[in-house]
Amino acid sequence: MRHIGSRPVGADGRHGGAPREPVASRVVWQAASLCLSYPEETLLARGPLLRQGLSEAAPDQWPNFAALLVSWLSTALPELQTEYVEIFDLSRKYALDLSYWTDGDTRRRGEVLASFKARYRASGFLGNLRGELPDHLPVVLEYAAIVDPLDGAALLQEYRPSLELLRLALLDRAPAYGGIVQAVCSTLPGESPGDRQTVLTIARNGPPTESVGLDPYDARLLPLAEVHGGRHGDRHPSLARESG
């Protein structure tokens, strides 16, 4: 995962003169993107950076990240990897692919996945998804954090029911990961529902909406670097500017 893109600072001191989204939200998205990725040595080594970034930009979110980041220090890597595979790879009950919660494995889902790719391309960036689908939550979170926060926030809000269902499922099965999704939900408009039935009601009626200004080029975001290795080479998706 790497930092991409730059924009000149305008005369008013703001990047490109664009409206600004609170840095805290974007740091949370970026940290969550990493925390929900397959654990590997290179990723775990970034734990201190994540803790520092959260403590500086989003200290109120530390309780949501604490359990997972502490486990990175206290648990052997093979055990962390086994747990991750059992939760996210061997069961669809905790799917990280957002449209799976709304469309399942239906024909319509192919159109939805194509729309994710179209949104990424419209921002002038292409994703190196490394085998993941374009609606994979870590991919969407990275897109929101450092590529196009305006559209990324809208995309997360569009799939708010998926996020809330995932949050509730993980809080029951794997609270350390549930806390990460809870942090993401807390950055979006409206309170999180307390039960599955309320989430399904939101899915029928539509989630709350809110127009916010976002600046995708704030230098205070966590610095990003390539993450290599993993179970099938580099499994952490990254985004790169489209060339040509």
Protein backbone atom coordinates (compact mmCIF):
# COMPACT_ATOMS: atom_id res chain seq x y z
CA MET A 1 0.00 0.00 0.00
CA ARG A 2 1.50 3.35 -0.91
CA HIS A 3 0.78 7.01 -0.80
CA ILE A 4 -0.27 8.28 -4.19
CA GLY A 5 -1.12 11.59 -5.73
CA SER A 6 -0.34 15.16 -4.84
CA ARG A 7 -1.96 18.51 -5.37
CA PRO A 8 -0.44 21.99 -5.00
CA VAL A 9 -1.37 23.99 -1.93
CA GLY A 10 -3.50 27.01 -2.78
CA ALA A 11 -2.97 30.55 -1.60
CA ASP A 12 -5.34 29.94 1.29
CA GLY A 13 -3.05 27.20 2.58
CA ARG A 14 -5.47 24.43 1.67
CA HIS A 15 -4.62 21.75 -0.82
CA GLY A 16 -6.13 22.78 -4.13
CA GLY A 17 -8.53 25.06 -2.25
CA ALA A 18 -10.83 22.05 -1.75
CA PRO A 19 -13.14 21.61 1.25
CA ARG A 20 -11.62 19.48 3.97
CA GLU A 21 -12.84 16.25 5.56
CA PRO A 22 -11.65 15.77 9.14
CA VAL A 23 -8.26 14.12 9.04
CA ALA A 24 -9.41 11.77 11.79
CA SER A 25 -11.88 10.02 9.49
CA ARG A 26 -9.31 9.46 6.79
CA VAL A 27 -6.71 8.18 9.23
CA VAL A 28 -9.33 5.75 10.56
CA TRP A 29 -10.10 4.54 7.03
CA GLN A 30 -6.45 4.11 6.21
CA ALA A 31 -5.65 2.31 9.47
CA ALA A 32 -8.71 0.09 9.08
CA SER A 33 -7.67 -0.83 5.55
CA LEU A 34 -4.43 -2.20 6.94
CA CYS A 35 -5.96 -3.84 10.00
CA LEU A 36 -8.50 -5.75 7.91
CA SER A 37 -5.80 -7.10 5.61
CA TYR A 38 -4.14 -10.49 5.91
CA PRO A 39 -1.55 -10.28 8.70
CA GLU A 40 2.07 -10.66 7.68
CA GLU A 41 5.38 -9.61 9.19
CA THR A 42 5.68 -6.43 7.15
CA LEU A 43 2.18 -5.37 8.07
CA LEU A 44 2.59 -6.11 11.77
CA ALA A 45 5.78 -4.09 11.80
CA ARG A 46 3.65 -1.05 11.00
CA GLY A 47 1.71 -1.40 14.24
CA PRO A 48 3.66 1.39 15.99
CA LEU A 49 2.95 3.73 13.07
CA LEU A 50 -0.74 2.95 13.23
CA ARG A 51 -0.82 3.54 16.98
CA GLN A 52 0.99 6.85 16.57
CA GLY A 53 -1.28 8.03 13.76
CA LEU A 54 -4.42 7.15 15.67
CA SER A 55 -3.18 8.72 18.90
CA GLU A 56 -2.41 11.97 17.08
CA ALA A 57 -5.36 12.25 14.68
CA ALA A 58 -8.13 10.10 16.18
CA PRO A 59 -7.40 9.34 19.87
CA ASP A 60 -11.07 8.65 20.57
CA GLN A 61 -10.89 5.73 18.12
CA TRP A 62 -8.06 3.94 19.91
CA PRO A 63 -10.44 1.68 21.91
CA ASN A 64 -11.79 0.29 18.63
CA PHE A 65 -8.30 -0.57 17.38
CA ALA A 66 -6.62 -1.51 20.65
CA ALA A 67 -7.54 -5.19 20.86
CA LEU A 68 -6.29 -6.02 17.37
CA LEU A 69 -3.11 -3.95 17.55
CA VAL A 70 -2.25 -5.38 20.96
CA SER A 71 -2.80 -8.89 19.60
CA TRP A 72 -0.24 -8.16 16.90
CA LEU A 73 2.31 -7.76 19.72
CA SER A 74 1.23 -10.69 21.88
CA THR A 75 0.25 -13.40 19.39
CA ALA A 76 2.47 -15.49 17.13
CA LEU A 77 2.15 -14.64 13.46
CA PRO A 78 1.01 -18.14 12.36
CA GLU A 79 -1.80 -17.98 14.92
CA LEU A 80 -2.89 -14.56 13.67
CA GLN A 81 -2.86 -15.81 10.09
CA THR A 82 -4.85 -18.93 10.94
CA GLU A 83 -7.47 -16.90 12.76
CA TYR A 84 -7.77 -14.48 9.83
CA VAL A 85 -8.27 -17.32 7.33
CA GLU A 86 -10.86 -19.02 9.55
CA ILE A 87 -12.85 -15.81 9.89
CA PHE A 88 -12.64 -14.21 6.48
CA ASP A 89 -11.72 -16.97 4.04
CA LEU A 90 -13.57 -20.03 5.28
CA SER A 91 -16.94 -18.42 6.00
CA ARG A 92 -19.11 -15.98 4.10
CA LYS A 93 -20.72 -14.91 7.39
CA TYR A 94 -17.97 -12.29 7.72
CA ALA A 95 -17.46 -11.37 4.07
CA LEU A 96 -15.27 -8.32 3.48
CA ASP A 97 -16.74 -7.89 -0.01
CA LEU A 98 -19.39 -5.22 0.48
CA SER A 99 -21.75 -6.14 -2.35
CA TYR A 100 -21.91 -9.76 -1.21
CA TRP A 101 -24.15 -8.60 1.65
CA THR A 102 -26.55 -6.86 -0.74
CA ASP A 103 -26.39 -9.02 -3.88
CA GLY A 104 -24.89 -12.35 -2.89
CA ASP A 105 -23.55 -14.44 -5.74
CA THR A 106 -26.11 -13.24 -8.24
CA ARG A 107 -25.82 -12.06 -11.81
CA ARG A 108 -26.56 -8.49 -10.71
CA ARG A 109 -23.45 -8.51 -8.57
CA GLY A 110 -21.28 -8.57 -11.68
CA GLU A 111 -22.77 -5.24 -12.70
CA VAL A 112 -22.19 -3.87 -9.22
CA LEU A 113 -18.52 -4.91 -9.25
CA ALA A 114 -18.12 -3.25 -12.63
CA SER A 115 -19.54 -0.04 -11.16
CA PHE A 116 -16.87 -0.11 -8.42
CA LYS A 117 -14.16 -0.37 -11.08
CA ALA A 118 -15.76 2.46 -13.05
CA ARG A 119 -15.67 4.72 -9.99
CA TYR A 120 -12.01 3.97 -9.41
CA ARG A 121 -11.18 4.73 -13.05
CA ALA A 122 -13.21 7.95 -12.95
CA SER A 123 -10.89 9.21 -10.22
CA GLY A 124 -7.91 8.67 -12.52
CA PHE A 125 -6.61 5.71 -10.58
CA LEU A 126 -6.40 1.99 -11.19
CA GLY A 127 -6.31 -0.60 -8.46
CA ASN A 128 -3.80 -3.41 -8.22
CA LEU A 129 -6.27 -5.62 -6.39
CA ARG A 130 -3.98 -8.66 -6.22
CA GLY A 131 -6.78 -11.16 -6.52
CA GLU A 132 -9.34 -9.28 -4.43
CA LEU A 133 -12.64 -7.97 -5.78
CA PRO A 134 -13.10 -4.20 -6.24
CA ASP A 135 -15.69 -4.08 -3.44
CA HIS A 136 -13.24 -5.65 -0.95
CA LEU A 137 -13.47 -3.45 2.13
CA PRO A 138 -9.71 -2.78 2.53
CA VAL A 139 -9.66 -1.63 -1.11
CA VAL A 140 -12.64 0.68 -0.62
CA LEU A 141 -11.12 2.09 2.58
CA GLU A 142 -7.81 2.85 0.90
CA TYR A 143 -9.68 4.50 -1.96
CA ALA A 144 -11.58 6.65 0.53
CA ALA A 145 -8.49 7.52 2.56
CA ILE A 146 -6.04 8.59 -0.11
CA VAL A 147 -7.55 8.56 -3.60
CA ASP A 148 -10.98 10.19 -3.59
CA PRO A 149 -12.33 10.85 -0.07
CA LEU A 150 -15.51 12.46 -1.41
CA ASP A 151 -16.55 9.50 -3.52
CA GLY A 152 -15.02 7.04 -1.06
CA ALA A 153 -17.14 8.37 1.79
CA ALA A 154 -20.22 8.21 -0.45
CA LEU A 155 -19.38 4.63 -1.39
CA LEU A 156 -19.01 3.60 2.25
CA GLN A 157 -22.32 5.25 3.06
CA GLU A 158 -24.06 3.54 0.14
CA TYR A 159 -22.96 0.22 1.61
CA ARG A 160 -23.66 1.22 5.19
CA PRO A 161 -26.01 -1.76 5.69
CA SER A 162 -23.22 -4.11 4.59
CA LEU A 163 -20.81 -2.46 7.01
CA GLU A 164 -23.30 -2.64 9.88
CA LEU A 165 -24.14 -6.30 9.27
CA LEU A 166 -20.43 -7.08 9.13
CA ARG A 167 -19.86 -5.08 12.31
CA LEU A 168 -22.52 -6.98 14.24
CA ALA A 169 -21.33 -10.36 12.96
CA LEU A 170 -17.71 -9.68 13.84
CA LEU A 171 -18.48 -8.26 17.28
CA ASP A 172 -20.04 -11.65 18.08
CA ARG A 173 -17.35 -13.82 16.48
CA ALA A 174 -14.14 -11.77 16.56
CA PRO A 175 -14.50 -8.56 18.59
CA ALA A 176 -10.99 -7.36 17.77
CA TYR A 177 -11.93 -7.18 14.09
CA GLY A 178 -15.43 -5.99 14.94
CA GLY A 179 -13.93 -2.96 16.61
CA ILE A 180 -12.18 -2.00 13.38
CA VAL A 181 -15.43 -2.04 11.40
CA GLN A 182 -17.12 -0.20 14.26
CA ALA A 183 -14.53 2.56 13.91
CA VAL A 184 -15.29 2.86 10.20
CA CYS A 185 -19.04 3.05 10.85
CA SER A 186 -18.50 5.78 13.42
CA THR A 187 -17.00 8.05 10.76
CA LEU A 188 -20.23 7.98 8.74
CA PRO A 189 -23.43 10.01 9.26
CA GLY A 190 -25.98 8.64 11.68
CA GLU A 191 -25.69 6.25 14.61
CA SER A 192 -25.00 2.56 14.17
CA PRO A 193 -28.04 0.30 14.69
CA GLY A 194 -27.96 -2.00 17.69
CA ASP A 195 -29.39 -5.08 16.01
CA ARG A 196 -29.64 -6.86 12.69
CA GLN A 197 -33.34 -6.12 12.15
CA THR A 198 -32.75 -2.38 12.36
CA VAL A 199 -29.95 -2.72 9.81
CA LEU A 200 -32.29 -4.54 7.44
CA THR A 201 -34.81 -1.71 7.85
CA ILE A 202 -32.10 0.79 6.94
CA ALA A 203 -31.26 -1.32 3.90
CA ARG A 204 -34.87 -1.06 2.71
CA ASN A 205 -35.28 2.66 3.39
CA GLY A 206 -31.76 3.85 2.68
CA PRO A 207 -29.10 5.05 5.13
CA PRO A 208 -28.78 8.64 6.35
CA THR A 209 -27.04 10.98 3.96
CA GLU A 210 -24.89 14.00 4.56
CA SER A 211 -23.00 16.27 2.20
CA VAL A 212 -19.44 16.77 3.37
CA GLY A 213 -16.43 18.47 1.84
CA LEU A 214 -13.34 16.36 1.51
CA ASP A 215 -9.74 17.09 0.73
CA PRO A 216 -7.96 14.01 -0.62
CA TYR A 217 -4.49 15.50 -0.27
CA ASP A 218 -3.85 16.20 3.40
CA ALA A 219 -0.22 15.63 4.32
CA ARG A 220 -1.17 14.63 7.85
CA LEU A 221 -2.48 11.26 6.77
CA LEU A 222 -0.45 8.25 7.81
CA PRO A 223 2.49 7.78 5.42
CA LEU A 224 2.03 4.69 3.31
CA ALA A 225 4.61 2.26 2.06
CA GLU A 226 4.59 -0.90 -0.03
CA VAL A 227 3.52 -4.01 1.84
CA HIS A 228 5.07 -7.15 0.43
CA GLY A 229 4.73 -10.84 1.16
CA GLY A 230 1.64 -12.61 2.40
CA ARG A 231 0.04 -15.93 1.68
CA HIS A 232 0.00 -15.57 -2.13
CA GLY A 233 2.73 -13.01 -2.66
CA ASP A 234 1.53 -9.51 -1.89
CA ARG A 235 -2.09 -9.88 -0.81
CA HIS A 236 -2.59 -6.29 0.27
CA PRO A 237 -4.23 -4.39 -2.59
CA SER A 238 -2.82 -1.05 -3.64
CA LEU A 239 -3.92 1.76 -5.87
CA ALA A 240 -1.88 3.51 -8.52
CA ARG A 241 -2.47 6.46 -10.83
CA GLU A 242 -3.57 5.51 -14.29
CA SER A 243 -0.91 6.43 -16.85
CA GLY A 244 -1.20 7.29 -20.46
